[in-house]
Amino acid sequence: MPEFIFTMQAVTKVHPPDKRVLENIHLAFYPGAKIGVIGANGSGKSSLLRIMAGVDKTFGGEAKPHPGTKIGYFAQDHTGAIKKGMTAVEWLHQFDPDAARQDIHGLLGQMLFSGEEGLKPTEALSGGETARLLFCRIMLQKPNVLVLDEPTNGMDLVSTTQILGLARELHERDNLTVIMVSHALNEVANYVERIALVVERGFRIGTVAEIMNEETLTQMYGIPVDVDEMHGHRIVVARRTAPEGMPIVKVGGRDA
């Protein structure tokens, strides 16, 4: 059995004044895991990732990466993270001055930045381009664990596809561990292998089939939820049953 790359023991997180969002959490992650974290707003999903990334140290218990673990963290709130007055290439190059320009252009190319777009001033980047550039920054660090907090939030289809596609490629090619929080249930259902569901300040972990089903999701969200399949992909459908006659609202499935 492979060695764990990250463990949490008896982790408890309290938000002031006294709201417990995580309580006595015990988790262990294997190399090469691909896990989605889902749950209601305020349930502690982002707190879990911030603790893993070492950003939040105000918790009880123990959380530590094992030797050789290097975590790349994509924060949910990355507003203002990119310095203005530089091109995308210049911004990336400052983090690794020894990196060859061709390698940086190659990394930008993976995220659909053309040569001209790589020379665009950072203040002129769209929200999706900013997120993709931040992802390039993470990959410059050569992590073996990706911790992604709502990585596709606010992105268009192109940016979403590129972010998830690159993460999947790295997972399959380099056995990269991926842990992702997302409210986009169809992305989670069709991308990860296991699900950590935040429930009552703790976690229930299982396969996608065990967690992403109608009974579990209906209980979590408090509204009727249907889970169907189309062309081998799960589609999550949230049904509004009141008032009478209100149409079904589809969250929409796609191949991530």
C-alpha atoms as a PDB file:
ATOM      1  CA  MET A   1       0.000   0.000   0.000  1.00  0.00           C
ATOM      2  CA  PRO A   2       1.467   3.402  -0.957  1.00  0.00           C
ATOM      3  CA  GLU A   3       2.527   5.886   1.673  1.00  0.00           C
ATOM      4  CA  PHE A   4       0.183   8.730   2.438  1.00  0.00           C
ATOM      5  CA  ILE A   5       1.242  12.115   1.101  1.00  0.00           C
ATOM      6  CA  PHE A   6      -0.816  14.182   3.536  1.00  0.00           C
ATOM      7  CA  THR A   7      -2.554  13.418   6.810  1.00  0.00           C
ATOM      8  CA  MET A   8      -4.897  15.244   9.174  1.00  0.00           C
ATOM      9  CA  GLN A   9      -5.460  14.106  12.714  1.00  0.00           C
ATOM     10  CA  ALA A  10      -8.094  15.518  15.077  1.00  0.00           C
ATOM     11  CA  VAL A  11      -8.299  18.757  13.062  1.00  0.00           C
ATOM     12  CA  THR A  12     -10.836  21.253  14.397  1.00  0.00           C
ATOM     13  CA  LYS A  13     -11.500  24.684  12.934  1.00  0.00           C
ATOM     14  CA  VAL A  14     -13.563  27.356  14.692  1.00  0.00           C
ATOM     15  CA  HIS A  15     -14.630  30.610  13.047  1.00  0.00           C
ATOM     16  CA  PRO A  16     -15.092  33.532  15.456  1.00  0.00           C
ATOM     17  CA  PRO A  17     -16.903  33.846  17.694  1.00  0.00           C
ATOM     18  CA  ASP A  18     -17.653  30.156  18.149  1.00  0.00           C
ATOM     19  CA  LYS A  19     -18.807  28.521  14.914  1.00  0.00           C
ATOM     20  CA  ARG A  20     -17.199  25.109  14.435  1.00  0.00           C
ATOM     21  CA  VAL A  21     -16.823  24.388  10.718  1.00  0.00           C
ATOM     22  CA  LEU A  22     -14.560  21.337  11.093  1.00  0.00           C
ATOM     23  CA  GLU A  23     -14.522  19.052  14.103  1.00  0.00           C
ATOM     24  CA  ASN A  24     -12.133  16.215  14.916  1.00  0.00           C
ATOM     25  CA  ILE A  25     -11.289  15.505  11.264  1.00  0.00           C
ATOM     26  CA  HIS A  26      -9.089  12.524  10.419  1.00  0.00           C
ATOM     27  CA  LEU A  27      -8.099  12.306   6.743  1.00  0.00           C
ATOM     28  CA  ALA A  28      -5.279  10.727   4.751  1.00  0.00           C
ATOM     29  CA  PHE A  29      -4.553  11.119   1.037  1.00  0.00           C
ATOM     30  CA  TYR A  30      -2.720   8.640  -1.167  1.00  0.00           C
ATOM     31  CA  PRO A  31      -0.424   9.668  -4.043  1.00  0.00           C
ATOM     32  CA  GLY A  32      -2.374   9.950  -7.271  1.00  0.00           C
ATOM     33  CA  ALA A  33      -5.761  10.469  -5.624  1.00  0.00           C
ATOM     34  CA  LYS A  34      -8.353  12.504  -7.521  1.00  0.00           C
ATOM     35  CA  ILE A  35     -10.908  13.761  -5.003  1.00  0.00           C
ATOM     36  CA  GLY A  36     -13.774  16.225  -5.201  1.00  0.00           C
ATOM     37  CA  VAL A  37     -14.999  18.033  -2.086  1.00  0.00           C
ATOM     38  CA  ILE A  38     -18.657  19.077  -2.068  1.00  0.00           C
ATOM     39  CA  GLY A  39     -21.048  20.482   0.514  1.00  0.00           C
ATOM     40  CA  ALA A  40     -23.295  23.403   1.340  1.00  0.00           C
ATOM     41  CA  ASN A  41     -21.993  26.975   1.662  1.00  0.00           C
ATOM     42  CA  GLY A  42     -20.166  27.560   4.931  1.00  0.00           C
ATOM     43  CA  SER A  43     -19.682  23.868   5.607  1.00  0.00           C
ATOM     44  CA  GLY A  44     -15.887  24.020   5.835  1.00  0.00           C
ATOM     45  CA  LYS A  45     -14.741  22.987   2.350  1.00  0.00           C
ATOM     46  CA  SER A  46     -12.465  25.971   1.753  1.00  0.00           C
ATOM     47  CA  SER A  47     -11.193  25.810   5.329  1.00  0.00           C
ATOM     48  CA  LEU A  48     -10.059  22.255   4.698  1.00  0.00           C
ATOM     49  CA  LEU A  49      -8.102  23.281   1.590  1.00  0.00           C
ATOM     50  CA  ARG A  50      -6.558  26.336   3.245  1.00  0.00           C
ATOM     51  CA  ILE A  51      -5.309  24.136   6.070  1.00  0.00           C
ATOM     52  CA  MET A  52      -3.861  21.667   3.574  1.00  0.00           C
ATOM     53  CA  ALA A  53      -2.112  24.444   1.676  1.00  0.00           C
ATOM     54  CA  GLY A  54      -0.594  25.846   4.868  1.00  0.00           C
ATOM     55  CA  VAL A  55      -2.399  29.175   4.421  1.00  0.00           C
ATOM     56  CA  ASP A  56      -4.526  28.748   7.550  1.00  0.00           C
ATOM     57  CA  LYS A  57      -2.644  27.769  10.694  1.00  0.00           C
ATOM     58  CA  THR A  58      -5.361  28.726  13.189  1.00  0.00           C
ATOM     59  CA  PHE A  59      -6.768  25.265  13.832  1.00  0.00           C
ATOM     60  CA  GLY A  60      -6.530  22.543  16.403  1.00  0.00           C
ATOM     61  CA  GLY A  61      -5.010  19.136  15.772  1.00  0.00           C
ATOM     62  CA  GLU A  62      -2.316  18.197  13.272  1.00  0.00           C
ATOM     63  CA  ALA A  63      -2.162  18.600   9.503  1.00  0.00           C
ATOM     64  CA  LYS A  64       1.064  17.886   7.682  1.00  0.00           C
ATOM     65  CA  PRO A  65       2.408  16.897   4.284  1.00  0.00           C
ATOM     66  CA  HIS A  66       4.742  13.937   4.227  1.00  0.00           C
ATOM     67  CA  PRO A  67       8.346  14.248   2.980  1.00  0.00           C
ATOM     68  CA  GLY A  68       8.556  15.043  -0.726  1.00  0.00           C
ATOM     69  CA  THR A  69       5.041  16.508  -0.910  1.00  0.00           C
ATOM     70  CA  LYS A  70       4.860  19.852  -2.728  1.00  0.00           C
ATOM     71  CA  ILE A  71       1.441  21.489  -2.809  1.00  0.00           C
ATOM     72  CA  GLY A  72       0.235  23.880  -5.484  1.00  0.00           C
ATOM     73  CA  TYR A  73      -2.729  25.904  -4.199  1.00  0.00           C
ATOM     74  CA  PHE A  74      -5.321  27.660  -6.357  1.00  0.00           C
ATOM     75  CA  ALA A  75      -7.248  29.981  -4.039  1.00  0.00           C
ATOM     76  CA  GLN A  76     -10.917  30.763  -4.522  1.00  0.00           C
ATOM     77  CA  ASP A  77     -10.354  34.496  -4.052  1.00  0.00           C
ATOM     78  CA  HIS A  78      -7.470  35.460  -6.332  1.00  0.00           C
ATOM     79  CA  THR A  79      -8.555  39.054  -6.935  1.00  0.00           C
ATOM     80  CA  GLY A  80      -5.504  41.292  -7.131  1.00  0.00           C
ATOM     81  CA  ALA A  81      -3.067  38.375  -7.136  1.00  0.00           C
ATOM     82  CA  ILE A  82      -1.435  39.446 -10.397  1.00  0.00           C
ATOM     83  CA  LYS A  83       0.760  42.547 -10.462  1.00  0.00           C
ATOM     84  CA  LYS A  84      -0.176  45.155 -13.039  1.00  0.00           C
ATOM     85  CA  GLY A  85       2.183  46.819 -15.496  1.00  0.00           C
ATOM     86  CA  MET A  86       3.735  43.561 -16.728  1.00  0.00           C
ATOM     87  CA  THR A  87       3.071  41.153 -19.549  1.00  0.00           C
ATOM     88  CA  ALA A  88       1.887  37.634 -18.776  1.00  0.00           C
ATOM     89  CA  VAL A  89       5.322  36.281 -19.730  1.00  0.00           C
ATOM     90  CA  GLU A  90       7.132  38.815 -17.534  1.00  0.00           C
ATOM     91  CA  TRP A  91       4.847  38.091 -14.582  1.00  0.00           C
ATOM     92  CA  LEU A  92       5.561  34.366 -14.787  1.00  0.00           C
ATOM     93  CA  HIS A  93       9.293  34.818 -15.391  1.00  0.00           C
ATOM     94  CA  GLN A  94       9.773  36.775 -12.148  1.00  0.00           C
ATOM     95  CA  PHE A  95       8.877  33.663 -10.144  1.00  0.00           C
ATOM     96  CA  ASP A  96      11.480  31.524 -11.887  1.00  0.00           C
ATOM     97  CA  PRO A  97      14.180  33.731 -13.476  1.00  0.00           C
ATOM     98  CA  ASP A  98      16.131  30.634 -14.507  1.00  0.00           C
ATOM     99  CA  ALA A  99      13.261  29.216 -16.522  1.00  0.00           C
ATOM    100  CA  ALA A 100      13.760  29.378 -20.276  1.00  0.00           C
ATOM    101  CA  ARG A 101      11.403  31.759 -22.035  1.00  0.00           C
ATOM    102  CA  GLN A 102      10.423  28.965 -24.414  1.00  0.00           C
ATOM    103  CA  ASP A 103       9.325  26.825 -21.446  1.00  0.00           C
ATOM    104  CA  ILE A 104       7.178  29.659 -20.150  1.00  0.00           C
ATOM    105  CA  HIS A 105       5.659  30.206 -23.593  1.00  0.00           C
ATOM    106  CA  GLY A 106       5.047  26.457 -23.789  1.00  0.00           C
ATOM    107  CA  LEU A 107       3.228  26.493 -20.457  1.00  0.00           C
ATOM    108  CA  LEU A 108       1.135  29.467 -21.564  1.00  0.00           C
ATOM    109  CA  GLY A 109       0.409  27.650 -24.800  1.00  0.00           C
ATOM    110  CA  GLN A 110      -1.003  24.709 -22.831  1.00  0.00           C
ATOM    111  CA  MET A 111      -3.496  27.145 -21.332  1.00  0.00           C
ATOM    112  CA  LEU A 112      -4.461  28.577 -24.739  1.00  0.00           C
ATOM    113  CA  PHE A 113      -2.381  31.746 -24.540  1.00  0.00           C
ATOM    114  CA  SER A 114      -1.157  32.599 -28.009  1.00  0.00           C
ATOM    115  CA  GLY A 115       2.194  34.351 -28.477  1.00  0.00           C
ATOM    116  CA  GLU A 116       0.449  37.721 -28.680  1.00  0.00           C
ATOM    117  CA  GLU A 117      -1.716  37.050 -25.624  1.00  0.00           C
ATOM    118  CA  GLY A 118       1.383  36.173 -23.619  1.00  0.00           C
ATOM    119  CA  LEU A 119       2.614  39.701 -24.318  1.00  0.00           C
ATOM    120  CA  LYS A 120      -0.679  41.307 -23.305  1.00  0.00           C
ATOM    121  CA  PRO A 121      -0.489  43.612 -20.231  1.00  0.00           C
ATOM    122  CA  THR A 122      -1.786  41.818 -17.144  1.00  0.00           C
ATOM    123  CA  GLU A 123      -4.345  44.569 -16.469  1.00  0.00           C
ATOM    124  CA  ALA A 124      -5.942  43.798 -19.853  1.00  0.00           C
ATOM    125  CA  LEU A 125      -6.524  40.114 -19.069  1.00  0.00           C
ATOM    126  CA  SER A 126     -10.071  38.830 -18.744  1.00  0.00           C
ATOM    127  CA  GLY A 127     -11.203  36.953 -15.639  1.00  0.00           C
ATOM    128  CA  GLY A 128     -10.719  33.596 -17.360  1.00  0.00           C
ATOM    129  CA  GLU A 129      -7.276  34.582 -18.657  1.00  0.00           C
ATOM    130  CA  THR A 130      -6.255  35.736 -15.179  1.00  0.00           C
ATOM    131  CA  ALA A 131      -7.286  32.404 -13.695  1.00  0.00           C
ATOM    132  CA  ARG A 132      -5.412  30.489 -16.409  1.00  0.00           C
ATOM    133  CA  LEU A 133      -2.301  32.597 -15.816  1.00  0.00           C
ATOM    134  CA  LEU A 134      -2.479  31.854 -12.086  1.00  0.00           C
ATOM    135  CA  PHE A 135      -2.714  28.174 -12.916  1.00  0.00           C
ATOM    136  CA  CYS A 136       0.448  28.517 -15.017  1.00  0.00           C
ATOM    137  CA  ARG A 137       2.139  30.087 -11.991  1.00  0.00           C
ATOM    138  CA  ILE A 138       1.208  27.074  -9.873  1.00  0.00           C
ATOM    139  CA  MET A 139       2.577  24.662 -12.478  1.00  0.00           C
ATOM    140  CA  LEU A 140       5.916  26.525 -12.533  1.00  0.00           C
ATOM    141  CA  GLN A 141       6.374  25.291  -8.962  1.00  0.00           C
ATOM    142  CA  LYS A 142       6.186  21.684 -10.225  1.00  0.00           C
ATOM    143  CA  PRO A 143       3.875  20.475  -7.443  1.00  0.00           C
ATOM    144  CA  ASN A 144       2.919  16.841  -6.966  1.00  0.00           C
ATOM    145  CA  VAL A 145      -0.354  17.823  -5.261  1.00  0.00           C
ATOM    146  CA  LEU A 146      -2.889  20.287  -6.680  1.00  0.00           C
ATOM    147  CA  VAL A 147      -5.310  21.822  -4.181  1.00  0.00           C
ATOM    148  CA  LEU A 148      -7.978  23.652  -6.180  1.00  0.00           C
ATOM    149  CA  ASP A 149     -10.648  25.797  -4.516  1.00  0.00           C
ATOM    150  CA  GLU A 150     -13.419  26.513  -7.042  1.00  0.00           C
ATOM    151  CA  PRO A 151     -10.874  26.546  -9.915  1.00  0.00           C
ATOM    152  CA  THR A 152     -13.475  27.171 -12.636  1.00  0.00           C
ATOM    153  CA  ASN A 153     -15.639  29.696 -10.785  1.00  0.00           C
ATOM    154  CA  GLY A 154     -16.714  32.437 -13.211  1.00  0.00           C
ATOM    155  CA  MET A 155     -14.830  30.910 -16.150  1.00  0.00           C
ATOM    156  CA  ASP A 156     -16.110  30.470 -19.660  1.00  0.00           C
ATOM    157  CA  LEU A 157     -16.228  27.063 -21.333  1.00  0.00           C
ATOM    158  CA  VAL A 158     -12.762  27.409 -22.899  1.00  0.00           C
ATOM    159  CA  SER A 159     -11.037  28.289 -19.628  1.00  0.00           C
ATOM    160  CA  THR A 160     -12.936  25.624 -17.697  1.00  0.00           C
ATOM    161  CA  THR A 161     -12.022  22.954 -20.224  1.00  0.00           C
ATOM    162  CA  GLN A 162      -8.357  23.959 -20.214  1.00  0.00           C
ATOM    163  CA  ILE A 163      -8.003  24.060 -16.419  1.00  0.00           C
ATOM    164  CA  LEU A 164      -9.682  20.692 -15.871  1.00  0.00           C
ATOM    165  CA  GLY A 165      -8.050  19.178 -18.951  1.00  0.00           C
ATOM    166  CA  LEU A 166      -4.553  20.130 -17.838  1.00  0.00           C
ATOM    167  CA  ALA A 167      -5.201  18.890 -14.301  1.00  0.00           C
ATOM    168  CA  ARG A 168      -6.448  15.584 -15.722  1.00  0.00           C
ATOM    169  CA  GLU A 169      -3.433  15.281 -18.034  1.00  0.00           C
ATOM    170  CA  LEU A 170      -1.016  15.891 -15.147  1.00  0.00           C
ATOM    171  CA  HIS A 171      -2.870  13.404 -12.979  1.00  0.00           C
ATOM    172  CA  GLU A 172      -2.690  10.692 -15.616  1.00  0.00           C
ATOM    173  CA  ARG A 173       0.852  11.431 -16.833  1.00  0.00           C
ATOM    174  CA  ASP A 174       2.629  12.264 -13.581  1.00  0.00           C
ATOM    175  CA  ASN A 175       0.350  10.619 -10.992  1.00  0.00           C
ATOM    176  CA  LEU A 176      -0.400  14.090  -9.655  1.00  0.00           C
ATOM    177  CA  THR A 177      -2.774  14.188  -6.695  1.00  0.00           C
ATOM    178  CA  VAL A 178      -5.758  16.497  -7.285  1.00  0.00           C
ATOM    179  CA  ILE A 179      -8.107  17.700  -4.528  1.00  0.00           C
ATOM    180  CA  MET A 180     -10.822  20.028  -5.796  1.00  0.00           C
ATOM    181  CA  VAL A 181     -13.645  21.970  -4.166  1.00  0.00           C
ATOM    182  CA  SER A 182     -16.421  22.884  -6.585  1.00  0.00           C
ATOM    183  CA  HIS A 183     -20.100  23.808  -6.577  1.00  0.00           C
ATOM    184  CA  ALA A 184     -20.312  22.663 -10.214  1.00  0.00           C
ATOM    185  CA  LEU A 185     -21.569  19.177  -9.459  1.00  0.00           C
ATOM    186  CA  ASN A 186     -21.439  18.008 -13.066  1.00  0.00           C
ATOM    187  CA  GLU A 187     -17.750  18.883 -13.263  1.00  0.00           C
ATOM    188  CA  VAL A 188     -17.071  17.015 -10.038  1.00  0.00           C
ATOM    189  CA  ALA A 189     -19.161  13.978 -10.981  1.00  0.00           C
ATOM    190  CA  ASN A 190     -17.390  13.517 -14.317  1.00  0.00           C
ATOM    191  CA  TYR A 191     -13.864  14.454 -13.294  1.00  0.00           C
ATOM    192  CA  VAL A 192     -12.905  12.964  -9.916  1.00  0.00           C
ATOM    193  CA  GLU A 193     -12.734   9.366  -8.724  1.00  0.00           C
ATOM    194  CA  ARG A 194     -13.818   9.838  -5.101  1.00  0.00           C
ATOM    195  CA  ILE A 195     -15.971  12.386  -3.283  1.00  0.00           C
ATOM    196  CA  ALA A 196     -15.569  13.910   0.177  1.00  0.00           C
ATOM    197  CA  LEU A 197     -18.981  15.167   1.246  1.00  0.00           C
ATOM    198  CA  VAL A 198     -18.980  17.711   4.086  1.00  0.00           C
ATOM    199  CA  VAL A 199     -21.671  16.735   6.589  1.00  0.00           C
ATOM    200  CA  GLU A 200     -22.189  17.939  10.165  1.00  0.00           C
ATOM    201  CA  ARG A 201     -18.678  19.403  10.526  1.00  0.00           C
ATOM    202  CA  GLY A 202     -17.218  16.112   9.319  1.00  0.00           C
ATOM    203  CA  PHE A 203     -16.753  14.200   6.084  1.00  0.00           C
ATOM    204  CA  ARG A 204     -18.291  11.241   4.373  1.00  0.00           C
ATOM    205  CA  ILE A 205     -15.964   9.836   1.704  1.00  0.00           C
ATOM    206  CA  GLY A 206     -16.869   7.383  -1.021  1.00  0.00           C
ATOM    207  CA  THR A 207     -16.853   6.701  -4.719  1.00  0.00           C
ATOM    208  CA  VAL A 208     -18.693   9.000  -7.111  1.00  0.00           C
ATOM    209  CA  ALA A 209     -21.534   6.456  -7.323  1.00  0.00           C
ATOM    210  CA  GLU A 210     -21.809   6.240  -3.530  1.00  0.00           C
ATOM    211  CA  ILE A 211     -22.015  10.018  -2.995  1.00  0.00           C
ATOM    212  CA  MET A 212     -23.358  11.557  -6.212  1.00  0.00           C
ATOM    213  CA  ASN A 213     -26.762   9.930  -6.044  1.00  0.00           C
ATOM    214  CA  GLU A 214     -30.277  11.286  -5.669  1.00  0.00           C
ATOM    215  CA  GLU A 215     -30.785  10.349  -2.017  1.00  0.00           C
ATOM    216  CA  THR A 216     -27.505  11.835  -0.765  1.00  0.00           C
ATOM    217  CA  LEU A 217     -27.683  15.062  -2.801  1.00  0.00           C
ATOM    218  CA  THR A 218     -31.366  15.634  -1.982  1.00  0.00           C
ATOM    219  CA  GLN A 219     -30.553  15.333   1.708  1.00  0.00           C
ATOM    220  CA  MET A 220     -27.553  17.664   1.400  1.00  0.00           C
ATOM    221  CA  TYR A 221     -29.297  20.486  -0.508  1.00  0.00           C
ATOM    222  CA  GLY A 222     -32.787  20.118   0.947  1.00  0.00           C
ATOM    223  CA  ILE A 223     -34.462  20.067  -2.488  1.00  0.00           C
ATOM    224  CA  PRO A 224     -35.301  17.158  -4.795  1.00  0.00           C
ATOM    225  CA  VAL A 225     -32.301  16.236  -6.971  1.00  0.00           C
ATOM    226  CA  ASP A 226     -32.226  13.815  -9.901  1.00  0.00           C
ATOM    227  CA  VAL A 227     -29.048  12.138 -11.125  1.00  0.00           C
ATOM    228  CA  ASP A 228     -29.121  10.733 -14.657  1.00  0.00           C
ATOM    229  CA  GLU A 229     -26.587   9.544 -17.193  1.00  0.00           C
ATOM    230  CA  MET A 230     -26.078  10.554 -20.797  1.00  0.00           C
ATOM    231  CA  HIS A 231     -23.345   9.111 -23.016  1.00  0.00           C
ATOM    232  CA  GLY A 232     -21.569   7.753 -19.932  1.00  0.00           C
ATOM    233  CA  HIS A 233     -21.601  11.069 -18.049  1.00  0.00           C
ATOM    234  CA  ARG A 234     -23.576  11.918 -14.931  1.00  0.00           C
ATOM    235  CA  ILE A 235     -26.021  14.800 -15.107  1.00  0.00           C
ATOM    236  CA  VAL A 236     -27.260  16.396 -11.892  1.00  0.00           C
ATOM    237  CA  VAL A 237     -30.722  17.961 -12.127  1.00  0.00           C
ATOM    238  CA  ALA A 238     -32.148  20.092  -9.318  1.00  0.00           C
ATOM    239  CA  ARG A 239     -35.959  20.038  -9.336  1.00  0.00           C
ATOM    240  CA  ARG A 240     -38.050  22.915  -8.023  1.00  0.00           C
ATOM    241  CA  THR A 241     -41.381  21.453  -6.972  1.00  0.00           C
ATOM    242  CA  ALA A 242     -43.099  24.617  -5.721  1.00  0.00           C
ATOM    243  CA  PRO A 243     -44.979  26.572  -6.759  1.00  0.00           C
ATOM    244  CA  GLU A 244     -46.923  24.040  -8.796  1.00  0.00           C
ATOM    245  CA  GLY A 245     -45.987  23.984 -12.447  1.00  0.00           C
ATOM    246  CA  MET A 246     -42.558  25.543 -12.012  1.00  0.00           C
ATOM    247  CA  PRO A 247     -40.233  24.032 -14.657  1.00  0.00           C
ATOM    248  CA  ILE A 248     -37.314  21.779 -13.825  1.00  0.00           C
ATOM    249  CA  VAL A 249     -34.023  23.645 -13.511  1.00  0.00           C
ATOM    250  CA  LYS A 250     -31.175  21.720 -15.114  1.00  0.00           C
ATOM    251  CA  VAL A 251     -27.664  22.229 -13.815  1.00  0.00           C
ATOM    252  CA  GLY A 252     -26.456  20.842 -17.131  1.00  0.00           C
ATOM    253  CA  GLY A 253     -23.951  18.086 -17.819  1.00  0.00           C
ATOM    254  CA  ARG A 254     -20.945  18.120 -20.085  1.00  0.00           C
ATOM    255  CA  ASP A 255     -17.769  16.255 -20.753  1.00  0.00           C
ATOM    256  CA  ALA A 256     -15.209  17.932 -18.479  1.00  0.00           C
END
